[in-house]
Protein backbone atom coordinates (compact mmCIF):
# COMPACT_ATOMS: atom_id res chain seq x y z
CA MET A 1 93.65 -6.04 100.82
CA PRO A 2 96.29 -4.12 102.62
CA ARG A 3 95.11 -1.16 104.77
CA PRO A 4 95.19 1.44 101.68
CA TYR A 5 93.84 -0.28 98.93
CA ARG A 6 90.81 -0.65 100.87
CA SER A 7 90.05 2.89 101.71
CA THR A 8 90.98 3.47 98.68
CA ILE A 9 88.14 1.58 97.17
CA ALA A 10 86.39 3.11 100.00
CA LEU A 11 86.64 7.06 98.46
CA LEU A 12 85.97 6.06 94.70
CA ALA A 13 82.94 4.14 95.08
CA LEU A 14 81.74 6.70 98.15
CA GLY A 15 82.76 9.61 95.06
CA ALA A 16 80.83 7.82 92.90
CA THR A 17 77.67 7.18 94.59
CA LEU A 18 77.37 11.54 95.16
CA SER A 19 78.07 11.60 92.02
CA ALA A 20 74.98 9.76 90.80
CA CYS A 21 72.99 11.57 93.83
CA ALA A 22 74.50 14.72 92.32
CA SER A 23 73.30 13.81 88.79
CA GLN A 24 69.72 12.74 90.11
CA ARG A 25 69.54 16.14 92.39
CA PHE A 26 70.55 18.72 89.40
CA ASP A 27 68.69 16.88 86.75
CA GLY A 28 65.91 16.73 88.52
CA PRO A 29 63.91 12.52 88.99
CA ARG A 30 64.23 10.62 85.39
CA THR A 31 61.74 8.34 84.18
CA ARG A 32 63.48 6.42 82.22
CA ALA A 33 67.88 5.93 81.68
CA ALA A 34 69.72 7.34 78.68
CA PRO A 35 71.53 5.00 76.88
CA GLN A 36 75.05 4.89 78.13
CA ALA A 37 78.48 5.10 75.36
CA SER A 38 80.87 2.88 76.69
CA LEU A 39 84.61 4.20 76.96
CA ASP A 40 85.53 1.59 73.68
CA THR A 41 83.02 4.25 71.86
CA ILE A 42 84.52 7.12 70.47
CA VAL A 43 82.43 9.83 68.79
CA PRO A 44 84.21 11.69 66.06
CA ALA A 45 84.94 15.41 66.22
CA MET A 46 82.76 17.84 64.01
CA PRO A 47 83.91 19.93 61.72
CA SER A 48 84.03 23.40 61.80
CA GLY A 49 84.03 25.91 59.97
CA THR A 50 87.81 27.70 58.89
CA VAL A 51 89.59 30.23 61.30
CA THR A 52 90.96 33.26 59.82
CA SER A 53 93.00 35.29 61.77
CA ALA A 54 93.64 39.47 61.02
CA PRO A 55 94.95 41.96 63.04
CA LEU A 56 92.10 44.16 64.19
CA ALA A 57 91.68 48.10 62.89
CA PRO A 58 92.46 51.50 64.82
CA PRO A 59 89.83 52.84 67.18
CA PRO A 60 88.29 56.33 65.25
CA GLY A 61 90.23 58.84 65.41
CA ALA A 62 93.80 56.51 66.85
CA SER A 63 96.51 56.23 63.84
CA ALA A 64 97.61 52.72 62.85
CA ALA A 65 100.70 52.81 64.11
CA PRO A 66 100.69 54.13 67.60
CA ASP A 67 104.48 56.10 66.96
CA GLY A 68 103.33 57.45 62.81
CA PRO A 69 100.79 60.63 62.13
CA PRO A 70 97.71 60.51 62.43
CA PRO A 71 95.72 59.63 59.32
CA VAL A 72 94.73 61.43 56.83
CA GLY A 73 92.82 64.69 57.13
CA ALA A 74 92.73 64.05 60.59
CA GLN A 75 94.80 67.16 61.11
CA ALA A 76 92.51 69.19 58.53
CA ALA A 77 89.79 68.09 60.91
CA LEU A 78 91.45 69.39 64.15
CA ALA A 79 92.15 72.56 62.01
CA PRO A 80 90.26 75.62 61.41
CA PRO A 81 90.55 77.03 58.80
CA ALA A 82 93.59 79.97 58.04
CA SER A 83 91.45 81.93 56.54
CA ASN A 84 88.60 81.98 59.42
CA VAL A 85 91.61 82.63 62.03
CA ILE A 86 91.24 86.17 63.77
CA ALA A 87 93.26 86.74 66.06
CA GLU A 88 91.79 88.08 69.60
CA PRO A 89 93.91 89.27 72.73
CA VAL A 90 93.83 86.88 75.31
CA ALA A 91 93.41 88.72 79.00
CA PRO A 92 95.43 87.46 81.26
CA PRO A 93 94.54 85.02 84.54
CA GLN A 94 93.40 87.97 87.20
CA SER A 95 94.30 86.57 90.94
CA PRO A 96 92.06 85.49 93.02
CA PRO A 97 91.11 88.57 95.44
CA PRO A 98 93.41 87.67 98.49
CA VAL A 99 92.24 85.59 101.08
CA VAL A 100 91.71 87.07 105.39
CA ALA A 101 92.03 84.59 107.66
CA SER A 102 89.19 84.36 109.99
CA GLY A 103 88.30 82.79 112.61
CA ARG A 104 90.12 81.22 115.79
CA ALA A 105 93.08 80.01 114.27
CA SER A 106 94.36 83.73 112.26
CA VAL A 107 94.16 85.57 116.18
CA VAL A 108 96.29 83.44 117.76
CA GLY A 109 99.71 85.07 118.51
CA ALA A 110 100.80 88.40 119.74
CA TRP A 111 99.47 92.04 118.90
CA ASP A 112 100.05 95.35 119.52
CA ALA A 113 96.87 96.85 121.78
CA ARG A 114 95.76 100.67 121.24
CA ASP A 115 93.32 102.42 123.94
CA ALA A 116 91.26 104.83 122.99
CA THR A 117 94.08 106.60 125.67
CA GLY A 118 96.69 105.97 123.61
CA GLY A 119 98.22 104.10 125.64
CA SER A 120 100.21 100.67 123.93
CA CYS A 121 101.27 97.39 125.57
CA LYS A 122 102.17 94.05 124.28
CA VAL A 123 98.86 90.94 124.10
CA THR A 124 99.37 87.72 123.52
CA LEU A 125 97.32 84.95 121.90
CA SER A 126 98.34 81.45 122.99
CA SER A 127 96.61 78.50 122.02
CA ALA A 128 97.42 76.94 124.78
CA PRO A 129 94.12 75.42 126.12
CA ALA A 130 93.05 76.77 129.58
CA LEU A 131 90.09 75.11 130.69
CA ASP A 132 87.40 76.58 128.40
CA LEU A 133 89.70 78.51 127.45
CA TYR A 134 92.93 79.63 125.60
CA LYS A 135 95.92 81.80 128.07
CA ALA A 136 96.16 84.67 127.05
CA SER A 137 99.06 87.03 128.56
CA ALA A 138 99.37 91.27 128.48
CA ALA A 139 102.83 93.10 129.26
CA GLY A 140 103.57 96.68 130.02
CA CYS A 141 99.64 97.55 129.41
CA PRO A 142 99.16 101.01 131.59
CA ASN A 143 95.15 99.92 131.26
CA LYS A 144 94.55 97.91 134.62
CA ASP A 145 91.57 96.05 133.38
CA LEU A 146 93.43 95.03 130.07
CA ALA A 147 96.80 94.22 132.17
CA LYS A 148 94.79 91.28 134.22
CA VAL A 149 93.85 89.51 131.06
CA THR A 150 94.94 85.70 131.52
CA ALA A 151 92.79 84.13 129.44
CA TRP A 152 91.04 84.38 125.10
CA ASP A 153 88.08 82.78 123.64
CA PHE A 154 86.79 83.00 119.74
CA ARG A 155 82.27 83.18 119.66
CA ASP A 156 79.75 84.03 117.10
CA GLY A 157 82.72 86.92 115.69
CA GLU A 158 84.59 87.48 118.54
CA VAL A 159 87.00 87.21 120.41
CA TYR A 160 86.80 87.97 124.32
CA LEU A 161 88.91 88.82 126.29
CA TYR A 162 89.36 87.67 130.17
CA GLN A 163 90.66 88.58 133.41
CA GLN A 164 91.28 85.77 135.81
CA GLY A 165 87.52 85.08 137.90
CA GLY A 166 86.07 84.74 134.14
CA THR A 167 85.22 88.38 133.77
CA VAL A 168 85.22 89.30 130.21
CA ALA A 169 87.99 92.42 129.93
CA ALA A 170 87.18 93.26 126.50
CA ARG A 171 84.82 92.64 122.99
CA LEU A 172 86.46 92.97 118.82
CA ARG A 173 85.13 91.81 116.01
CA GLN A 174 87.82 91.30 112.82
CA GLY A 175 87.66 94.23 110.68
CA GLY A 176 90.94 93.30 108.60
CA GLY A 177 94.17 92.23 109.78
CA SER A 178 93.09 93.77 113.42
CA LEU A 179 90.97 92.92 115.58
CA ASP A 180 88.44 96.03 116.82
CA GLY A 181 86.10 96.48 120.04
CA ALA A 182 85.96 98.12 123.98
CA LEU A 183 86.93 97.25 126.78
CA THR A 184 83.73 96.15 128.74
CA ARG A 185 84.36 98.12 131.96
CA SER A 186 84.38 101.32 130.52
CA GLY A 187 83.62 100.94 127.14
CA ALA A 188 86.65 103.08 126.02
CA ALA A 189 87.80 102.25 121.91
CA LEU A 190 90.45 99.38 122.10
CA ALA A 191 92.57 97.76 118.99
CA LEU A 192 94.44 94.90 118.22
CA VAL A 193 97.15 95.21 116.05
CA ARG A 194 99.90 92.79 114.48
């Protein structure tokens, strides 16, 4: 017998063995063998009842035709009675209060610094990092402490201006559109405005 036929027969035998094992395993132990029908016996199909079909009714509140008018009475149910309609003036929606930005990002940029003596200069708070702080610069400041500002930070709602070496030159709080506070060494008032 040629080799392909032997492997086919072996596979069929293996399949029959596995199916027999599987049927005993899933059906449980058998106490007696069930009679088997021969392949020549044809079992007639059982008659079933008549099958009918009809379109489904539309869901409640939907029209039968997708583009058709709503069902009769649907418009009346949705519209209030004409005799009970009272026209009340509708107030225009109120705009929300303006949002005042706060936090580190809101203070980045150029500021005009004004001290208690009336002197003013430019202070720029950068978003560029400088170790644990952020870079800052001051230009044209008559106050020597303010002129030496090189860094800044925002902590606990306050802006700290630092001189080189880490000395705090000023502490300021946000108030509206400005930063108000004082110089650390003299205690003189300082304001930064845009």
